[in-house]
C-alpha atoms as a PDB file:
ATOM      1  CA  MET A   1     184.363 120.671 152.857  1.00  0.00           C
ATOM      2  CA  PRO A   2     183.478 124.063 154.801  1.00  0.00           C
ATOM      3  CA  ASP A   3     185.681 125.228 158.048  1.00  0.00           C
ATOM      4  CA  ILE A   4     182.692 123.994 160.494  1.00  0.00           C
ATOM      5  CA  ARG A   5     182.823 126.295 163.256  1.00  0.00           C
ATOM      6  CA  LEU A   6     179.734 125.541 165.368  1.00  0.00           C
ATOM      7  CA  ILE A   7     177.365 122.395 165.325  1.00  0.00           C
ATOM      8  CA  ALA A   8     173.757 122.293 166.263  1.00  0.00           C
ATOM      9  CA  LEU A   9     172.662 118.395 167.735  1.00  0.00           C
ATOM     10  CA  ASP A  10     169.329 117.932 168.020  1.00  0.00           C
ATOM     11  CA  LEU A  11     168.719 115.319 171.322  1.00  0.00           C
ATOM     12  CA  ASP A  12     165.917 112.932 171.265  1.00  0.00           C
ATOM     13  CA  GLY A  13     166.861 109.949 167.796  1.00  0.00           C
ATOM     14  CA  THR A  14     169.754 111.627 167.833  1.00  0.00           C
ATOM     15  CA  LEU A  15     172.300 112.472 170.558  1.00  0.00           C
ATOM     16  CA  LEU A  16     170.156 110.652 172.623  1.00  0.00           C
ATOM     17  CA  ALA A  17     170.562 106.953 172.670  1.00  0.00           C
ATOM     18  CA  PRO A  18     166.875 104.987 173.024  1.00  0.00           C
ATOM     19  CA  ASP A  19     167.553 104.256 176.682  1.00  0.00           C
ATOM     20  CA  GLU A  20     168.662 108.388 176.678  1.00  0.00           C
ATOM     21  CA  SER A  21     172.455 107.597 177.498  1.00  0.00           C
ATOM     22  CA  ILE A  22     175.120 109.713 175.232  1.00  0.00           C
ATOM     23  CA  SER A  23     177.767 107.551 174.015  1.00  0.00           C
ATOM     24  CA  VAL A  24     180.960 107.511 175.321  1.00  0.00           C
ATOM     25  CA  ALA A  25     182.139 107.578 171.347  1.00  0.00           C
ATOM     26  CA  ASN A  26     179.196 111.018 171.170  1.00  0.00           C
ATOM     27  CA  ARG A  27     180.556 111.939 174.299  1.00  0.00           C
ATOM     28  CA  ARG A  28     184.721 112.076 173.219  1.00  0.00           C
ATOM     29  CA  ALA A  29     183.997 113.772 169.581  1.00  0.00           C
ATOM     30  CA  ILE A  30     181.727 116.498 171.244  1.00  0.00           C
ATOM     31  CA  ALA A  31     184.955 117.099 173.452  1.00  0.00           C
ATOM     32  CA  ASP A  32     187.358 116.981 170.292  1.00  0.00           C
ATOM     33  CA  ALA A  33     185.150 119.562 169.089  1.00  0.00           C
ATOM     34  CA  LEU A  34     185.153 121.807 171.845  1.00  0.00           C
ATOM     35  CA  ALA A  35     188.581 121.558 172.559  1.00  0.00           C
ATOM     36  CA  ALA A  36     189.461 122.124 168.653  1.00  0.00           C
ATOM     37  CA  GLY A  37     187.181 125.724 169.514  1.00  0.00           C
ATOM     38  CA  ILE A  38     183.978 124.396 167.450  1.00  0.00           C
ATOM     39  CA  ARG A  39     180.536 125.880 169.769  1.00  0.00           C
ATOM     40  CA  VAL A  40     177.938 123.249 170.340  1.00  0.00           C
ATOM     41  CA  VAL A  41     174.469 123.953 170.697  1.00  0.00           C
ATOM     42  CA  LEU A  42     171.451 121.943 171.488  1.00  0.00           C
ATOM     43  CA  VAL A  43     168.563 122.312 169.497  1.00  0.00           C
ATOM     44  CA  THR A  44     165.676 120.359 170.905  1.00  0.00           C
ATOM     45  CA  GLY A  45     161.808 120.262 171.503  1.00  0.00           C
ATOM     46  CA  ARG A  46     162.396 119.629 174.572  1.00  0.00           C
ATOM     47  CA  GLY A  47     161.345 121.649 177.757  1.00  0.00           C
ATOM     48  CA  VAL A  48     164.324 123.683 178.796  1.00  0.00           C
ATOM     49  CA  ASP A  49     165.532 121.516 181.697  1.00  0.00           C
ATOM     50  CA  THR A  50     166.368 118.483 179.787  1.00  0.00           C
ATOM     51  CA  PRO A  51     169.077 120.246 177.738  1.00  0.00           C
ATOM     52  CA  VAL A  52     170.476 122.080 180.351  1.00  0.00           C
ATOM     53  CA  ALA A  53     171.441 119.402 182.342  1.00  0.00           C
ATOM     54  CA  ILE A  54     173.043 117.861 179.190  1.00  0.00           C
ATOM     55  CA  SER A  55     174.754 120.814 178.366  1.00  0.00           C
ATOM     56  CA  ARG A  56     176.176 121.259 181.972  1.00  0.00           C
ATOM     57  CA  GLU A  57     176.817 117.501 181.748  1.00  0.00           C
ATOM     58  CA  LEU A  58     179.317 117.663 178.500  1.00  0.00           C
ATOM     59  CA  GLY A  59     180.767 121.004 179.228  1.00  0.00           C
ATOM     60  CA  LEU A  60     178.934 123.283 176.632  1.00  0.00           C
ATOM     61  CA  ASN A  61     178.733 127.085 176.928  1.00  0.00           C
ATOM     62  CA  LEU A  62     176.178 127.732 174.858  1.00  0.00           C
ATOM     63  CA  PRO A  63     172.855 129.069 174.974  1.00  0.00           C
ATOM     64  CA  VAL A  64     170.301 125.657 174.472  1.00  0.00           C
ATOM     65  CA  ILE A  65     167.697 125.717 171.896  1.00  0.00           C
ATOM     66  CA  CYS A  66     163.997 124.144 173.091  1.00  0.00           C
ATOM     67  CA  CYS A  67     160.367 124.020 172.392  1.00  0.00           C
ATOM     68  CA  HIS A  68     160.912 123.771 168.917  1.00  0.00           C
ATOM     69  CA  GLY A  69     163.028 126.867 168.753  1.00  0.00           C
ATOM     70  CA  ALA A  70     159.937 128.821 170.469  1.00  0.00           C
ATOM     71  CA  LEU A  71     162.944 129.306 173.831  1.00  0.00           C
ATOM     72  CA  THR A  72     166.561 130.118 173.309  1.00  0.00           C
ATOM     73  CA  LYS A  73     168.021 130.624 177.327  1.00  0.00           C
ATOM     74  CA  ASP A  74     171.290 131.032 178.551  1.00  0.00           C
ATOM     75  CA  PHE A  75     171.660 129.339 181.631  1.00  0.00           C
ATOM     76  CA  ALA A  76     174.847 130.351 182.054  1.00  0.00           C
ATOM     77  CA  ALA A  77     173.197 133.943 183.437  1.00  0.00           C
ATOM     78  CA  ASN A  78     169.915 132.179 183.675  1.00  0.00           C
ATOM     79  CA  LYS A  79     168.036 134.703 181.277  1.00  0.00           C
ATOM     80  CA  VAL A  80     165.680 133.929 178.240  1.00  0.00           C
ATOM     81  CA  LEU A  81     166.971 135.791 175.147  1.00  0.00           C
ATOM     82  CA  VAL A  82     163.539 134.919 173.577  1.00  0.00           C
ATOM     83  CA  HIS A  83     160.389 133.779 173.870  1.00  0.00           C
ATOM     84  CA  ILE A  84     158.129 132.763 171.027  1.00  0.00           C
ATOM     85  CA  PRO A  85     155.059 131.663 172.924  1.00  0.00           C
ATOM     86  CA  VAL A  86     151.297 130.944 170.990  1.00  0.00           C
ATOM     87  CA  PRO A  87     149.180 133.624 170.953  1.00  0.00           C
ATOM     88  CA  LEU A  88     145.884 133.757 173.646  1.00  0.00           C
ATOM     89  CA  VAL A  89     143.753 134.207 171.024  1.00  0.00           C
ATOM     90  CA  TYR A  90     144.164 131.241 169.448  1.00  0.00           C
ATOM     91  CA  ALA A  91     145.779 129.230 172.686  1.00  0.00           C
ATOM     92  CA  LYS A  92     142.333 130.238 174.932  1.00  0.00           C
ATOM     93  CA  PRO A  93     140.153 128.792 172.555  1.00  0.00           C
ATOM     94  CA  MET A  94     141.982 125.549 171.550  1.00  0.00           C
ATOM     95  CA  VAL A  95     142.415 125.191 174.895  1.00  0.00           C
ATOM     96  CA  GLU A  96     139.123 125.333 176.352  1.00  0.00           C
ATOM     97  CA  TYR A  97     137.906 123.296 173.147  1.00  0.00           C
ATOM     98  CA  ALA A  98     141.024 120.426 174.517  1.00  0.00           C
ATOM     99  CA  GLU A  99     139.426 120.379 178.317  1.00  0.00           C
ATOM    100  CA  ALA A 100     136.069 120.436 176.895  1.00  0.00           C
ATOM    101  CA  HIS A 101     135.822 117.497 174.748  1.00  0.00           C
ATOM    102  CA  GLY A 102     138.310 115.915 177.057  1.00  0.00           C
ATOM    103  CA  LEU A 103     140.826 115.786 174.771  1.00  0.00           C
ATOM    104  CA  ALA A 104     144.780 114.792 175.813  1.00  0.00           C
ATOM    105  CA  ILE A 105     146.196 117.687 175.769  1.00  0.00           C
ATOM    106  CA  ALA A 106     149.772 119.571 177.876  1.00  0.00           C
ATOM    107  CA  LEU A 107     151.002 123.382 177.837  1.00  0.00           C
ATOM    108  CA  TYR A 108     154.613 124.419 178.167  1.00  0.00           C
ATOM    109  CA  HIS A 109     154.080 127.145 180.285  1.00  0.00           C
ATOM    110  CA  GLU A 110     156.661 129.186 182.464  1.00  0.00           C
ATOM    111  CA  GLU A 111     159.606 126.369 182.079  1.00  0.00           C
ATOM    112  CA  ALA A 112     156.490 123.335 182.900  1.00  0.00           C
ATOM    113  CA  PHE A 113     154.861 121.187 181.302  1.00  0.00           C
ATOM    114  CA  HIS A 114     151.472 121.318 182.984  1.00  0.00           C
ATOM    115  CA  ARG A 115     148.324 118.680 182.759  1.00  0.00           C
ATOM    116  CA  LEU A 116     144.693 118.118 183.660  1.00  0.00           C
ATOM    117  CA  PRO A 117     143.885 115.456 186.285  1.00  0.00           C
ATOM    118  CA  SER A 118     142.053 113.564 184.227  1.00  0.00           C
ATOM    119  CA  ALA A 119     144.532 113.983 181.328  1.00  0.00           C
ATOM    120  CA  PRO A 120     145.368 110.034 180.373  1.00  0.00           C
ATOM    121  CA  ILE A 121     149.410 109.001 180.509  1.00  0.00           C
ATOM    122  CA  VAL A 122     150.339 108.865 177.305  1.00  0.00           C
ATOM    123  CA  MET A 123     154.101 109.055 177.291  1.00  0.00           C
ATOM    124  CA  PRO A 124     155.487 107.693 180.871  1.00  0.00           C
ATOM    125  CA  ASP A 125     157.340 111.196 181.496  1.00  0.00           C
ATOM    126  CA  MET A 126     153.817 112.745 182.392  1.00  0.00           C
ATOM    127  CA  THR A 127     154.339 111.271 186.067  1.00  0.00           C
ATOM    128  CA  GLY A 128     157.898 112.642 186.082  1.00  0.00           C
ATOM    129  CA  PRO A 129     159.728 116.542 187.334  1.00  0.00           C
ATOM    130  CA  GLY A 130     159.051 119.002 185.024  1.00  0.00           C
ATOM    131  CA  TRP A 131     155.154 117.966 184.679  1.00  0.00           C
ATOM    132  CA  ASN A 132     152.750 119.509 187.071  1.00  0.00           C
ATOM    133  CA  VAL A 133     148.797 118.919 187.214  1.00  0.00           C
ATOM    134  CA  ALA A 134     146.445 121.669 186.913  1.00  0.00           C
ATOM    135  CA  GLU A 135     142.928 121.604 187.211  1.00  0.00           C
ATOM    136  CA  SER A 136     142.619 123.855 184.746  1.00  0.00           C
ATOM    137  CA  LEU A 137     144.520 124.776 181.739  1.00  0.00           C
ATOM    138  CA  HIS A 138     142.923 128.083 180.534  1.00  0.00           C
ATOM    139  CA  ALA A 139     142.925 129.516 184.309  1.00  0.00           C
ATOM    140  CA  LEU A 140     146.551 129.441 183.674  1.00  0.00           C
ATOM    141  CA  LEU A 141     146.565 131.348 180.525  1.00  0.00           C
ATOM    142  CA  ALA A 142     146.101 133.872 183.112  1.00  0.00           C
ATOM    143  CA  GLY A 143     149.375 134.343 183.304  1.00  0.00           C
ATOM    144  CA  GLY A 144     150.142 134.991 179.851  1.00  0.00           C
ATOM    145  CA  ALA A 145     150.641 132.631 176.806  1.00  0.00           C
ATOM    146  CA  PRO A 146     151.953 129.204 176.116  1.00  0.00           C
ATOM    147  CA  THR A 147     155.285 128.787 174.963  1.00  0.00           C
ATOM    148  CA  PHE A 148     153.916 125.442 172.953  1.00  0.00           C
ATOM    149  CA  ILE A 149     151.161 123.599 173.405  1.00  0.00           C
ATOM    150  CA  ARG A 150     151.273 119.928 172.590  1.00  0.00           C
ATOM    151  CA  PHE A 151     148.475 117.391 171.591  1.00  0.00           C
ATOM    152  CA  LEU A 152     148.845 113.959 172.787  1.00  0.00           C
ATOM    153  CA  GLY A 153     147.856 110.851 170.829  1.00  0.00           C
ATOM    154  CA  GLU A 154     146.200 110.241 167.249  1.00  0.00           C
ATOM    155  CA  GLU A 155     142.213 110.872 169.118  1.00  0.00           C
ATOM    156  CA  SER A 156     143.635 114.352 170.118  1.00  0.00           C
ATOM    157  CA  VAL A 157     145.647 115.745 167.210  1.00  0.00           C
ATOM    158  CA  THR A 158     142.816 114.120 164.755  1.00  0.00           C
ATOM    159  CA  ALA A 159     140.617 116.333 166.279  1.00  0.00           C
ATOM    160  CA  MET A 160     142.535 119.511 167.182  1.00  0.00           C
ATOM    161  CA  ARG A 161     143.593 119.554 163.440  1.00  0.00           C
ATOM    162  CA  ALA A 162     139.947 119.279 162.193  1.00  0.00           C
ATOM    163  CA  THR A 163     138.464 122.322 164.452  1.00  0.00           C
ATOM    164  CA  PHE A 164     141.910 124.681 164.356  1.00  0.00           C
ATOM    165  CA  GLY A 165     144.089 123.308 161.856  1.00  0.00           C
ATOM    166  CA  ASP A 166     143.716 126.721 159.588  1.00  0.00           C
ATOM    167  CA  LEU A 167     144.990 128.577 161.811  1.00  0.00           C
ATOM    168  CA  PRO A 168     148.001 130.829 161.335  1.00  0.00           C
ATOM    169  CA  LEU A 169     150.589 128.413 163.296  1.00  0.00           C
ATOM    170  CA  ASN A 170     152.825 126.381 163.231  1.00  0.00           C
ATOM    171  CA  PHE A 171     151.961 122.321 163.624  1.00  0.00           C
ATOM    172  CA  ARG A 172     154.852 120.053 164.060  1.00  0.00           C
ATOM    173  CA  LEU A 173     153.558 116.585 163.879  1.00  0.00           C
ATOM    174  CA  GLU A 174     155.990 113.403 165.172  1.00  0.00           C
ATOM    175  CA  HIS A 175     155.170 109.417 164.907  1.00  0.00           C
ATOM    176  CA  TRP A 176     156.898 107.747 167.961  1.00  0.00           C
ATOM    177  CA  GLY A 177     155.818 104.441 166.613  1.00  0.00           C
ATOM    178  CA  ASP A 178     152.880 103.797 166.704  1.00  0.00           C
ATOM    179  CA  PHE A 179     152.469 107.303 169.257  1.00  0.00           C
ATOM    180  CA  VAL A 180     151.545 110.639 167.302  1.00  0.00           C
ATOM    181  CA  GLU A 181     151.295 114.190 169.028  1.00  0.00           C
ATOM    182  CA  CYS A 182     151.113 117.370 167.935  1.00  0.00           C
ATOM    183  CA  ALA A 183     153.124 120.543 169.220  1.00  0.00           C
ATOM    184  CA  VAL A 184     151.069 123.221 168.313  1.00  0.00           C
ATOM    185  CA  LEU A 185     153.675 127.120 168.411  1.00  0.00           C
ATOM    186  CA  SER A 186     153.838 130.667 166.445  1.00  0.00           C
ATOM    187  CA  ARG A 187     154.394 130.555 163.209  1.00  0.00           C
ATOM    188  CA  GLU A 188     157.658 132.037 163.715  1.00  0.00           C
ATOM    189  CA  ALA A 189     158.485 129.559 165.971  1.00  0.00           C
ATOM    190  CA  SER A 190     161.464 127.151 164.300  1.00  0.00           C
ATOM    191  CA  LYS A 191     164.319 124.942 164.936  1.00  0.00           C
ATOM    192  CA  GLN A 192     165.897 126.994 162.242  1.00  0.00           C
ATOM    193  CA  ASN A 193     164.907 130.657 163.327  1.00  0.00           C
ATOM    194  CA  ALA A 194     165.990 129.946 166.594  1.00  0.00           C
ATOM    195  CA  LEU A 195     169.694 128.532 165.418  1.00  0.00           C
ATOM    196  CA  ALA A 196     169.808 131.138 162.891  1.00  0.00           C
ATOM    197  CA  ARG A 197     169.839 133.922 165.340  1.00  0.00           C
ATOM    198  CA  LEU A 198     172.049 132.073 167.208  1.00  0.00           C
ATOM    199  CA  CYS A 199     174.862 132.196 164.769  1.00  0.00           C
ATOM    200  CA  ALA A 200     173.745 135.775 163.801  1.00  0.00           C
ATOM    201  CA  ASP A 201     174.577 136.506 167.332  1.00  0.00           C
ATOM    202  CA  PHE A 202     178.145 134.864 167.122  1.00  0.00           C
ATOM    203  CA  GLN A 203     178.310 136.155 164.010  1.00  0.00           C
ATOM    204  CA  ILE A 204     178.800 132.651 162.253  1.00  0.00           C
ATOM    205  CA  PRO A 205     177.642 132.289 159.140  1.00  0.00           C
ATOM    206  CA  ALA A 206     175.488 129.329 158.257  1.00  0.00           C
ATOM    207  CA  ASP A 207     177.731 127.662 155.596  1.00  0.00           C
ATOM    208  CA  ALA A 208     180.473 127.588 158.965  1.00  0.00           C
ATOM    209  CA  VAL A 209     177.613 125.325 160.571  1.00  0.00           C
ATOM    210  CA  LEU A 210     177.793 121.213 160.741  1.00  0.00           C
ATOM    211  CA  ALA A 211     173.299 120.297 162.208  1.00  0.00           C
ATOM    212  CA  ILE A 212     172.526 116.755 163.191  1.00  0.00           C
ATOM    213  CA  GLY A 213     168.989 115.791 163.286  1.00  0.00           C
ATOM    214  CA  ASP A 214     166.624 112.636 162.789  1.00  0.00           C
ATOM    215  CA  SER A 215     162.885 114.603 163.129  1.00  0.00           C
ATOM    216  CA  ARG A 216     160.423 116.505 160.908  1.00  0.00           C
ATOM    217  CA  ASN A 217     160.875 119.425 162.529  1.00  0.00           C
ATOM    218  CA  ASP A 218     165.037 118.739 161.947  1.00  0.00           C
ATOM    219  CA  VAL A 219     164.966 119.415 158.191  1.00  0.00           C
ATOM    220  CA  PRO A 220     164.291 123.347 157.841  1.00  0.00           C
ATOM    221  CA  MET A 221     167.517 123.478 160.169  1.00  0.00           C
ATOM    222  CA  LEU A 222     169.122 120.671 158.342  1.00  0.00           C
ATOM    223  CA  ARG A 223     169.262 121.910 155.249  1.00  0.00           C
ATOM    224  CA  TRP A 224     169.869 125.828 156.189  1.00  0.00           C
ATOM    225  CA  ALA A 225     173.157 124.461 157.501  1.00  0.00           C
ATOM    226  CA  GLY A 226     176.558 124.474 155.178  1.00  0.00           C
ATOM    227  CA  ILE A 227     175.989 120.868 156.110  1.00  0.00           C
ATOM    228  CA  GLY A 228     173.228 119.085 157.107  1.00  0.00           C
ATOM    229  CA  VAL A 229     173.178 115.502 157.949  1.00  0.00           C
ATOM    230  CA  ALA A 230     170.264 113.112 159.088  1.00  0.00           C
ATOM    231  CA  MET A 231     169.624 109.967 160.987  1.00  0.00           C
ATOM    232  CA  ALA A 232     170.233 106.297 159.403  1.00  0.00           C
ATOM    233  CA  ASN A 233     166.643 106.094 162.367  1.00  0.00           C
ATOM    234  CA  ALA A 234     165.319 109.300 160.730  1.00  0.00           C
ATOM    235  CA  LEU A 235     162.491 108.469 158.540  1.00  0.00           C
ATOM    236  CA  PRO A 236     162.695 108.849 154.815  1.00  0.00           C
ATOM    237  CA  GLU A 237     160.875 111.750 153.740  1.00  0.00           C
ATOM    238  CA  VAL A 238     164.144 113.298 156.627  1.00  0.00           C
ATOM    239  CA  ARG A 239     166.749 111.124 155.059  1.00  0.00           C
ATOM    240  CA  GLU A 240     165.485 112.057 151.182  1.00  0.00           C
ATOM    241  CA  ALA A 241     165.403 115.648 152.345  1.00  0.00           C
ATOM    242  CA  VAL A 242     169.462 116.141 152.915  1.00  0.00           C
ATOM    243  CA  ARG A 243     172.365 115.588 150.915  1.00  0.00           C
ATOM    244  CA  TYR A 244     174.091 113.449 154.271  1.00  0.00           C
ATOM    245  CA  VAL A 245     173.236 110.466 156.537  1.00  0.00           C
ATOM    246  CA  SER A 246     175.323 109.231 159.601  1.00  0.00           C
ATOM    247  CA  ALA A 247     174.705 105.847 161.132  1.00  0.00           C
ATOM    248  CA  SER A 248     171.549 105.768 163.646  1.00  0.00           C
ATOM    249  CA  ASN A 249     171.858 107.113 167.306  1.00  0.00           C
ATOM    250  CA  GLU A 250     172.363 103.326 168.197  1.00  0.00           C
ATOM    251  CA  ARG A 251     175.395 103.328 166.506  1.00  0.00           C
ATOM    252  CA  ASP A 252     177.377 106.720 167.171  1.00  0.00           C
ATOM    253  CA  GLY A 253     176.109 108.333 163.909  1.00  0.00           C
ATOM    254  CA  VAL A 254     176.858 111.651 165.991  1.00  0.00           C
ATOM    255  CA  ALA A 255     180.198 110.838 166.912  1.00  0.00           C
ATOM    256  CA  LEU A 256     180.909 109.784 162.991  1.00  0.00           C
ATOM    257  CA  ALA A 257     179.369 112.408 161.775  1.00  0.00           C
ATOM    258  CA  ILE A 258     181.768 115.012 163.937  1.00  0.00           C
ATOM    259  CA  GLU A 259     184.592 112.979 162.988  1.00  0.00           C
ATOM    260  CA  ARG A 260     184.157 113.446 159.318  1.00  0.00           C
ATOM    261  CA  PHE A 261     182.210 116.840 158.864  1.00  0.00           C
ATOM    262  CA  ALA A 262     184.203 118.555 161.588  1.00  0.00           C
ATOM    263  CA  LEU A 263     187.123 117.300 163.326  1.00  0.00           C
ATOM    264  CA  LYS A 264     189.043 115.432 159.870  1.00  0.00           C
ATOM    265  CA  ALA A 265     188.525 118.639 157.370  1.00  0.00           C
ATOM    266  CA  ARG A 266     190.087 120.503 160.133  1.00  0.00           C
ATOM    267  CA  LYS A 267     193.041 117.949 160.361  1.00  0.00           C
ATOM    268  CA  THR A 268     193.329 118.550 156.963  1.00  0.00           C
ATOM    269  CA  ALA A 269     193.030 121.697 155.991  1.00  0.00           C
END
């Protein structure tokens, strides 16, 4: 086993249990990794608020990689290190089309989600902190390009892909049970690219990285890392894309992977 110097963790379906808690075992494994001098970074499709809060809670000191890799932020310095927005030349017609056809759409813009008052509430958190209601999403674009766009629900995703699927963008389709959404990003934005950039800044080679995830958007990152581990609850195509599979997020899969691939290797070295 390579000597792991950095651990990259997805959040939903990976570090977080289904109720969004972090188990005692996962907390202990991360603390043990930090004590052993191993860096830990959160790499998520969520906006910046949740990974920053969790990083602080766990005592992590690396920037967070969020928005599917489109935004990397040094939260200690309150400084955005990398921002790769959806080009306005593509974002504007997509937003105009969505508004004209009543599609369920949200923008992540200036580190917050924005939705229309008429937008159906397809996810419970759309009424909570971090979500703003805007009279016009198109008007927001006067302040600059969005970090990413979310089409929410099968009807909106189908209409968007039929109309804009040929654009040179990064379309991230995800299924959450019966719910489907599509995140639209710049083609250059991905978890893999963001993690590789961060590792280069700290002079950590790919073969010294342990990456753990469960979703389609994790696969390139898992395959780039020296050791990529899929969760047991991941889709079959995700599990089949990597060499190693850990337990599920309900059974401390992150802790087991950290112990096996990072901590045990150091103990036996």
